Amino acid sequence: ESELSRIEDRLDLIHSLYRKYGGSHDAVIAF
């Protein structure tokens, strides 16, 4: 459960950055 919670939190952070800065990993890095 702790690992699952860590993964969920990490995905929430990644998706938050995607929404703010372009929608993908490459777009965020370009930003």
PDB file of all heavy atoms in Angstrom:
ATOM      1  N   GLU A   1       0.816  -1.213   0.000  1.00  0.00           N
ATOM      2  CA  GLU A   1       0.000   0.000   0.000  1.00  0.00           C
ATOM      3  C   GLU A   1       0.852   1.267   0.000  1.00  0.00           C
ATOM      4  O   GLU A   1       0.510   2.259  -0.636  1.00  0.00           O
ATOM      5  CB  GLU A   1      -0.931  -0.007   1.215  1.00  0.00           C
ATOM      6  CG  GLU A   1      -1.989  -1.104   1.188  1.00  0.00           C
ATOM      7  CD  GLU A   1      -2.968  -0.924   0.036  1.00  0.00           C
ATOM      8  OE1 GLU A   1      -3.122   0.227  -0.432  1.00  0.00           O
ATOM      9  OE2 GLU A   1      -3.572  -1.928  -0.397  1.00  0.00           O
ATOM     10  N   SER A   2       1.966   1.248   0.704  1.00  0.00           N
ATOM     11  CA  SER A   2       2.823   2.434   0.757  1.00  0.00           C
ATOM     12  C   SER A   2       3.442   2.718  -0.604  1.00  0.00           C
ATOM     13  O   SER A   2       3.554   3.879  -1.030  1.00  0.00           O
ATOM     14  CB  SER A   2       3.916   2.265   1.809  1.00  0.00           C
ATOM     15  OG  SER A   2       4.762   1.167   1.488  1.00  0.00           O
ATOM     16  N   GLU A   3       3.860   1.660  -1.305  1.00  0.00           N
ATOM     17  CA  GLU A   3       4.426   1.831  -2.637  1.00  0.00           C
ATOM     18  C   GLU A   3       3.363   2.330  -3.614  1.00  0.00           C
ATOM     19  O   GLU A   3       3.622   3.194  -4.454  1.00  0.00           O
ATOM     20  CB  GLU A   3       5.018   0.503  -3.129  1.00  0.00           C
ATOM     21  CG  GLU A   3       5.590   0.539  -4.550  1.00  0.00           C
ATOM     22  CD  GLU A   3       6.797   1.449  -4.704  1.00  0.00           C
ATOM     23  OE1 GLU A   3       7.280   1.996  -3.688  1.00  0.00           O
ATOM     24  OE2 GLU A   3       7.262   1.615  -5.848  1.00  0.00           O
ATOM     25  N   LEU A   4       2.167   1.789  -3.480  1.00  0.00           N
ATOM     26  CA  LEU A   4       1.067   2.236  -4.337  1.00  0.00           C
ATOM     27  C   LEU A   4       0.759   3.711  -4.098  1.00  0.00           C
ATOM     28  O   LEU A   4       0.522   4.473  -5.040  1.00  0.00           O
ATOM     29  CB  LEU A   4      -0.174   1.382  -4.074  1.00  0.00           C
ATOM     30  CG  LEU A   4      -1.403   1.682  -4.945  1.00  0.00           C
ATOM     31  CD1 LEU A   4      -1.083   1.502  -6.419  1.00  0.00           C
ATOM     32  CD2 LEU A   4      -2.579   0.787  -4.535  1.00  0.00           C
ATOM     33  N   SER A   5       0.778   4.118  -2.844  1.00  0.00           N
ATOM     34  CA  SER A   5       0.526   5.522  -2.505  1.00  0.00           C
ATOM     35  C   SER A   5       1.617   6.416  -3.083  1.00  0.00           C
ATOM     36  O   SER A   5       1.344   7.515  -3.602  1.00  0.00           O
ATOM     37  CB  SER A   5       0.459   5.682  -0.988  1.00  0.00           C
ATOM     38  OG  SER A   5       0.282   7.040  -0.637  1.00  0.00           O
ATOM     39  N   ARG A   6       2.880   5.955  -3.004  1.00  0.00           N
ATOM     40  CA  ARG A   6       3.987   6.731  -3.558  1.00  0.00           C
ATOM     41  C   ARG A   6       3.826   6.909  -5.055  1.00  0.00           C
ATOM     42  O   ARG A   6       4.050   8.006  -5.604  1.00  0.00           O
ATOM     43  CB  ARG A   6       5.310   6.022  -3.265  1.00  0.00           C
ATOM     44  CG  ARG A   6       6.533   6.812  -3.714  1.00  0.00           C
ATOM     45  CD  ARG A   6       7.777   5.945  -3.743  1.00  0.00           C
ATOM     46  NE  ARG A   6       7.737   4.955  -4.794  1.00  0.00           N
ATOM     47  CZ  ARG A   6       8.027   5.211  -6.079  1.00  0.00           C
ATOM     48  NH1 ARG A   6       8.360   6.444  -6.452  1.00  0.00           N
ATOM     49  NH2 ARG A   6       7.978   4.262  -6.977  1.00  0.00           N
ATOM     50  N   ILE A   7       3.421   5.834  -5.728  1.00  0.00           N
ATOM     51  CA  ILE A   7       3.238   5.893  -7.181  1.00  0.00           C
ATOM     52  C   ILE A   7       2.119   6.862  -7.545  1.00  0.00           C
ATOM     53  O   ILE A   7       2.234   7.661  -8.483  1.00  0.00           O
ATOM     54  CB  ILE A   7       2.943   4.484  -7.729  1.00  0.00           C
ATOM     55  CG1 ILE A   7       4.196   3.609  -7.611  1.00  0.00           C
ATOM     56  CG2 ILE A   7       2.469   4.551  -9.183  1.00  0.00           C
ATOM     57  CD1 ILE A   7       3.972   2.160  -7.956  1.00  0.00           C
ATOM     58  N   GLU A   8       1.005   6.796  -6.803  1.00  0.00           N
ATOM     59  CA  GLU A   8      -0.125   7.694  -7.071  1.00  0.00           C
ATOM     60  C   GLU A   8       0.306   9.153  -6.908  1.00  0.00           C
ATOM     61  O   GLU A   8      -0.037  10.017  -7.726  1.00  0.00           O
ATOM     62  CB  GLU A   8      -1.290   7.375  -6.140  1.00  0.00           C
ATOM     63  CG  GLU A   8      -1.925   6.003  -6.344  1.00  0.00           C
ATOM     64  CD  GLU A   8      -2.774   5.939  -7.604  1.00  0.00           C
ATOM     65  OE1 GLU A   8      -2.804   6.925  -8.362  1.00  0.00           O
ATOM     66  OE2 GLU A   8      -3.405   4.888  -7.834  1.00  0.00           O
ATOM     67  N   ASP A   9       1.050   9.430  -5.850  1.00  0.00           N
ATOM     68  CA  ASP A   9       1.518  10.807  -5.609  1.00  0.00           C
ATOM     69  C   ASP A   9       2.454  11.274  -6.725  1.00  0.00           C
ATOM     70  O   ASP A   9       2.381  12.423  -7.175  1.00  0.00           O
ATOM     71  CB  ASP A   9       2.244  10.893  -4.266  1.00  0.00           C
ATOM     72  CG  ASP A   9       1.304  10.720  -3.084  1.00  0.00           C
ATOM     73  OD1 ASP A   9       0.076  10.866  -3.275  1.00  0.00           O
ATOM     74  OD2 ASP A   9       1.805  10.430  -1.978  1.00  0.00           O
ATOM     75  N   ARG A  10       3.316  10.385  -7.149  1.00  0.00           N
ATOM     76  CA  ARG A  10       4.260  10.738  -8.203  1.00  0.00           C
ATOM     77  C   ARG A  10       3.529  11.014  -9.525  1.00  0.00           C
ATOM     78  O   ARG A  10       3.843  11.969 -10.232  1.00  0.00           O
ATOM     79  CB  ARG A  10       5.273   9.606  -8.385  1.00  0.00           C
ATOM     80  CG  ARG A  10       6.355   9.875  -9.427  1.00  0.00           C
ATOM     81  CD  ARG A  10       7.225  11.040  -9.049  1.00  0.00           C
ATOM     82  NE  ARG A  10       8.295  11.251 -10.030  1.00  0.00           N
ATOM     83  CZ  ARG A  10       9.088  12.290 -10.041  1.00  0.00           C
ATOM     84  NH1 ARG A  10       8.957  13.248  -9.130  1.00  0.00           N
ATOM     85  NH2 ARG A  10      10.029  12.414 -10.954  1.00  0.00           N
ATOM     86  N   LEU A  11       2.549  10.166  -9.835  1.00  0.00           N
ATOM     87  CA  LEU A  11       1.770  10.374 -11.055  1.00  0.00           C
ATOM     88  C   LEU A  11       0.966  11.672 -10.987  1.00  0.00           C
ATOM     89  O   LEU A  11       0.835  12.386 -11.993  1.00  0.00           O
ATOM     90  CB  LEU A  11       0.834   9.178 -11.293  1.00  0.00           C
ATOM     91  CG  LEU A  11       1.490   7.906 -11.829  1.00  0.00           C
ATOM     92  CD1 LEU A  11       0.498   6.754 -11.841  1.00  0.00           C
ATOM     93  CD2 LEU A  11       2.036   8.142 -13.243  1.00  0.00           C
ATOM     94  N   ASP A  12       0.429  11.979  -9.792  1.00  0.00           N
ATOM     95  CA  ASP A  12      -0.296  13.246  -9.637  1.00  0.00           C
ATOM     96  C   ASP A  12       0.623  14.437  -9.918  1.00  0.00           C
ATOM     97  O   ASP A  12       0.226  15.405 -10.574  1.00  0.00           O
ATOM     98  CB  ASP A  12      -0.864  13.359  -8.218  1.00  0.00           C
ATOM     99  CG  ASP A  12      -2.059  12.451  -8.004  1.00  0.00           C
ATOM    100  OD1 ASP A  12      -2.634  11.988  -9.003  1.00  0.00           O
ATOM    101  OD2 ASP A  12      -2.409  12.210  -6.831  1.00  0.00           O
ATOM    102  N   LEU A  13       1.871  14.383  -9.435  1.00  0.00           N
ATOM    103  CA  LEU A  13       2.833  15.454  -9.673  1.00  0.00           C
ATOM    104  C   LEU A  13       3.158  15.572 -11.157  1.00  0.00           C
ATOM    105  O   LEU A  13       3.184  16.678 -11.721  1.00  0.00           O
ATOM    106  CB  LEU A  13       4.116  15.192  -8.877  1.00  0.00           C
ATOM    107  CG  LEU A  13       5.277  16.165  -9.128  1.00  0.00           C
ATOM    108  CD1 LEU A  13       4.883  17.590  -8.775  1.00  0.00           C
ATOM    109  CD2 LEU A  13       6.510  15.739  -8.344  1.00  0.00           C
ATOM    110  N   ILE A  14       3.407  14.434 -11.800  1.00  0.00           N
ATOM    111  CA  ILE A  14       3.744  14.437 -13.229  1.00  0.00           C
ATOM    112  C   ILE A  14       2.603  15.018 -14.052  1.00  0.00           C
ATOM    113  O   ILE A  14       2.806  15.877 -14.921  1.00  0.00           O
ATOM    114  CB  ILE A  14       4.082  13.014 -13.705  1.00  0.00           C
ATOM    115  CG1 ILE A  14       5.394  12.538 -13.063  1.00  0.00           C
ATOM    116  CG2 ILE A  14       4.184  12.951 -15.227  1.00  0.00           C
ATOM    117  CD1 ILE A  14       5.730  11.090 -13.341  1.00  0.00           C
ATOM    118  N   HIS A  15       1.378  14.567 -13.763  1.00  0.00           N
ATOM    119  CA  HIS A  15       0.223  15.047 -14.527  1.00  0.00           C
ATOM    120  C   HIS A  15      -0.028  16.531 -14.270  1.00  0.00           C
ATOM    121  O   HIS A  15      -0.462  17.265 -15.168  1.00  0.00           O
ATOM    122  CB  HIS A  15      -1.011  14.215 -14.170  1.00  0.00           C
ATOM    123  CG  HIS A  15      -0.910  12.801 -14.619  1.00  0.00           C
ATOM    124  ND1 HIS A  15      -1.631  11.756 -14.042  1.00  0.00           N
ATOM    125  CD2 HIS A  15      -0.142  12.224 -15.587  1.00  0.00           C
ATOM    126  CE1 HIS A  15      -1.329  10.624 -14.644  1.00  0.00           C
ATOM    127  NE2 HIS A  15      -0.432  10.877 -15.581  1.00  0.00           N
ATOM    128  N   SER A  16       0.252  16.991 -13.056  1.00  0.00           N
ATOM    129  CA  SER A  16       0.098  18.409 -12.738  1.00  0.00           C
ATOM    130  C   SER A  16       1.079  19.250 -13.569  1.00  0.00           C
ATOM    131  O   SER A  16       0.708  20.300 -14.118  1.00  0.00           O
ATOM    132  CB  SER A  16       0.349  18.649 -11.254  1.00  0.00           C
ATOM    133  OG  SER A  16       0.332  20.030 -10.941  1.00  0.00           O
ATOM    134  N   LEU A  17       2.316  18.790 -13.670  1.00  0.00           N
ATOM    135  CA  LEU A  17       3.306  19.497 -14.479  1.00  0.00           C
ATOM    136  C   LEU A  17       2.931  19.472 -15.961  1.00  0.00           C
ATOM    137  O   LEU A  17       3.125  20.465 -16.677  1.00  0.00           O
ATOM    138  CB  LEU A  17       4.688  18.886 -14.268  1.00  0.00           C
ATOM    139  CG  LEU A  17       5.296  19.047 -12.871  1.00  0.00           C
ATOM    140  CD1 LEU A  17       6.617  18.304 -12.781  1.00  0.00           C
ATOM    141  CD2 LEU A  17       5.496  20.519 -12.527  1.00  0.00           C
ATOM    142  N   TYR A  18       2.399  18.329 -16.401  1.00  0.00           N
ATOM    143  CA  TYR A  18       1.966  18.236 -17.797  1.00  0.00           C
ATOM    144  C   TYR A  18       0.864  19.245 -18.097  1.00  0.00           C
ATOM    145  O   TYR A  18       0.874  19.897 -19.147  1.00  0.00           O
ATOM    146  CB  TYR A  18       1.467  16.825 -18.099  1.00  0.00           C
ATOM    147  CG  TYR A  18       2.560  15.781 -18.267  1.00  0.00           C
ATOM    148  CD1 TYR A  18       3.900  16.108 -18.079  1.00  0.00           C
ATOM    149  CD2 TYR A  18       2.259  14.478 -18.601  1.00  0.00           C
ATOM    150  CE1 TYR A  18       4.890  15.162 -18.225  1.00  0.00           C
ATOM    151  CE2 TYR A  18       3.245  13.517 -18.760  1.00  0.00           C
ATOM    152  CZ  TYR A  18       4.555  13.863 -18.566  1.00  0.00           C
ATOM    153  OH  TYR A  18       5.536  12.914 -18.706  1.00  0.00           O
ATOM    154  N   ARG A  19      -0.094  19.361 -17.179  1.00  0.00           N
ATOM    155  CA  ARG A  19      -1.201  20.306 -17.393  1.00  0.00           C
ATOM    156  C   ARG A  19      -0.691  21.748 -17.446  1.00  0.00           C
ATOM    157  O   ARG A  19      -1.182  22.571 -18.215  1.00  0.00           O
ATOM    158  CB  ARG A  19      -2.239  20.163 -16.285  1.00  0.00           C
ATOM    159  CG  ARG A  19      -3.117  18.918 -16.385  1.00  0.00           C
ATOM    160  CD  ARG A  19      -4.301  19.000 -15.447  1.00  0.00           C
ATOM    161  NE  ARG A  19      -3.896  19.111 -14.048  1.00  0.00           N
ATOM    162  CZ  ARG A  19      -3.683  18.069 -13.251  1.00  0.00           C
ATOM    163  NH1 ARG A  19      -3.811  16.832 -13.723  1.00  0.00           N
ATOM    164  NH2 ARG A  19      -3.326  18.250 -11.989  1.00  0.00           N
ATOM    165  N   LYS A  20       0.283  22.065 -16.612  1.00  0.00           N
ATOM    166  CA  LYS A  20       0.779  23.441 -16.528  1.00  0.00           C
ATOM    167  C   LYS A  20       1.708  23.811 -17.692  1.00  0.00           C
ATOM    168  O   LYS A  20       1.686  24.949 -18.173  1.00  0.00           O
ATOM    169  CB  LYS A  20       1.563  23.637 -15.219  1.00  0.00           C
ATOM    170  CG  LYS A  20       0.719  23.649 -13.964  1.00  0.00           C
ATOM    171  CD  LYS A  20       1.621  23.884 -12.752  1.00  0.00           C
ATOM    172  CE  LYS A  20       0.848  23.921 -11.453  1.00  0.00           C
ATOM    173  NZ  LYS A  20       1.731  24.137 -10.282  1.00  0.00           N
ATOM    174  N   TYR A  21       2.510  22.844 -18.127  1.00  0.00           N
ATOM    175  CA  TYR A  21       3.635  23.207 -18.985  1.00  0.00           C
ATOM    176  C   TYR A  21       3.693  22.463 -20.318  1.00  0.00           C
ATOM    177  O   TYR A  21       4.774  22.256 -20.863  1.00  0.00           O
ATOM    178  CB  TYR A  21       4.944  22.985 -18.222  1.00  0.00           C
ATOM    179  CG  TYR A  21       5.009  23.728 -16.909  1.00  0.00           C
ATOM    180  CD1 TYR A  21       5.160  23.039 -15.703  1.00  0.00           C
ATOM    181  CD2 TYR A  21       4.881  25.110 -16.862  1.00  0.00           C
ATOM    182  CE1 TYR A  21       5.204  23.720 -14.487  1.00  0.00           C
ATOM    183  CE2 TYR A  21       4.921  25.803 -15.659  1.00  0.00           C
ATOM    184  CZ  TYR A  21       5.083  25.090 -14.482  1.00  0.00           C
ATOM    185  OH  TYR A  21       5.113  25.777 -13.287  1.00  0.00           O
ATOM    186  N   GLY A  22       2.536  22.061 -20.842  1.00  0.00           N
ATOM    187  CA  GLY A  22       2.565  21.602 -22.236  1.00  0.00           C
ATOM    188  C   GLY A  22       1.960  20.260 -22.556  1.00  0.00           C
ATOM    189  O   GLY A  22       1.725  19.962 -23.722  1.00  0.00           O
ATOM    190  N   GLY A  23       1.735  19.388 -21.568  1.00  0.00           N
ATOM    191  CA  GLY A  23       1.006  18.158 -21.846  1.00  0.00           C
ATOM    192  C   GLY A  23       1.833  16.902 -22.038  1.00  0.00           C
ATOM    193  O   GLY A  23       1.279  15.817 -22.178  1.00  0.00           O
ATOM    194  N   SER A  24       3.159  17.025 -22.048  1.00  0.00           N
ATOM    195  CA  SER A  24       3.998  15.835 -22.220  1.00  0.00           C
ATOM    196  C   SER A  24       5.366  16.095 -21.602  1.00  0.00           C
ATOM    197  O   SER A  24       5.710  17.237 -21.271  1.00  0.00           O
ATOM    198  CB  SER A  24       4.160  15.487 -23.700  1.00  0.00           C
ATOM    199  OG  SER A  24       4.910  16.490 -24.367  1.00  0.00           O
ATOM    200  N   HIS A  25       6.135  15.018 -21.462  1.00  0.00           N
ATOM    201  CA  HIS A  25       7.488  15.152 -20.897  1.00  0.00           C
ATOM    202  C   HIS A  25       8.344  16.082 -21.747  1.00  0.00           C
ATOM    203  O   HIS A  25       9.005  16.995 -21.235  1.00  0.00           O
ATOM    204  CB  HIS A  25       8.140  13.769 -20.812  1.00  0.00           C
ATOM    205  CG  HIS A  25       9.576  13.806 -20.379  1.00  0.00           C
ATOM    206  ND1 HIS A  25      10.616  13.909 -21.287  1.00  0.00           N
ATOM    207  CD2 HIS A  25      10.152  13.796 -19.148  1.00  0.00           C
ATOM    208  CE1 HIS A  25      11.753  13.939 -20.635  1.00  0.00           C
ATOM    209  NE2 HIS A  25      11.511  13.856 -19.340  1.00  0.00           N
ATOM    210  N   ASP A  26       8.321  15.878 -23.072  1.00  0.00           N
ATOM    211  CA  ASP A  26       9.138  16.701 -23.960  1.00  0.00           C
ATOM    212  C   ASP A  26       8.721  18.169 -23.897  1.00  0.00           C
ATOM    213  O   ASP A  26       9.565  19.075 -23.937  1.00  0.00           O
ATOM    214  CB  ASP A  26       9.032  16.192 -25.394  1.00  0.00           C
ATOM    215  CG  ASP A  26       9.732  14.854 -25.583  1.00  0.00           C
ATOM    216  OD1 ASP A  26      10.530  14.480 -24.699  1.00  0.00           O
ATOM    217  OD2 ASP A  26       9.474  14.178 -26.595  1.00  0.00           O
ATOM    218  N   ALA A  27       7.404  18.416 -23.808  1.00  0.00           N
ATOM    219  CA  ALA A  27       6.914  19.797 -23.743  1.00  0.00           C
ATOM    220  C   ALA A  27       7.356  20.477 -22.452  1.00  0.00           C
ATOM    221  O   ALA A  27       7.704  21.663 -22.450  1.00  0.00           O
ATOM    222  CB  ALA A  27       5.389  19.810 -23.855  1.00  0.00           C
ATOM    223  N   VAL A  28       7.339  19.737 -21.346  1.00  0.00           N
ATOM    224  CA  VAL A  28       7.770  20.302 -20.064  1.00  0.00           C
ATOM    225  C   VAL A  28       9.254  20.659 -20.109  1.00  0.00           C
ATOM    226  O   VAL A  28       9.668  21.732 -19.644  1.00  0.00           O
ATOM    227  CB  VAL A  28       7.485  19.318 -18.910  1.00  0.00           C
ATOM    228  CG1 VAL A  28       8.078  19.842 -17.597  1.00  0.00           C
ATOM    229  CG2 VAL A  28       5.986  19.115 -18.742  1.00  0.00           C
ATOM    230  N   ILE A  29      10.068  19.773 -20.668  1.00  0.00           N
ATOM    231  CA  ILE A  29      11.501  20.032 -20.770  1.00  0.00           C
ATOM    232  C   ILE A  29      11.764  21.239 -21.675  1.00  0.00           C
ATOM    233  O   ILE A  29      12.626  22.080 -21.373  1.00  0.00           O
ATOM    234  CB  ILE A  29      12.250  18.793 -21.298  1.00  0.00           C
ATOM    235  CG1 ILE A  29      12.072  17.609 -20.319  1.00  0.00           C
ATOM    236  CG2 ILE A  29      13.717  19.100 -21.491  1.00  0.00           C
ATOM    237  CD1 ILE A  29      12.498  17.896 -18.902  1.00  0.00           C
ATOM    238  N   ALA A  30      11.013  21.351 -22.774  1.00  0.00           N
ATOM    239  CA  ALA A  30      11.162  22.502 -23.667  1.00  0.00           C
ATOM    240  C   ALA A  30      10.770  23.795 -22.954  1.00  0.00           C
ATOM    241  O   ALA A  30      11.434  24.831 -23.099  1.00  0.00           O
ATOM    242  CB  ALA A  30      10.308  22.311 -24.915  1.00  0.00           C
ATOM    243  N   PHE A  31       9.700  23.726 -22.160  1.00  0.00           N
ATOM    244  CA  PHE A  31       9.267  24.898 -21.386  1.00  0.00           C
ATOM    245  C   PHE A  31      10.365  25.303 -20.405  1.00  0.00           C
ATOM    246  O   PHE A  31      10.659  26.494 -20.249  1.00  0.00           O
ATOM    247  CB  PHE A  31       7.985  24.577 -20.633  1.00  0.00           C
ATOM    248  CG  PHE A  31       7.415  25.749 -19.875  1.00  0.00           C
ATOM    249  CD1 PHE A  31       6.441  26.551 -20.435  1.00  0.00           C
ATOM    250  CD2 PHE A  31       7.873  26.050 -18.601  1.00  0.00           C
ATOM    251  CE1 PHE A  31       5.927  27.639 -19.742  1.00  0.00           C
ATOM    252  CE2 PHE A  31       7.377  27.138 -17.900  1.00  0.00           C
ATOM    253  CZ  PHE A  31       6.397  27.928 -18.469  1.00  0.00           C
TER     254      PHE A  31
END
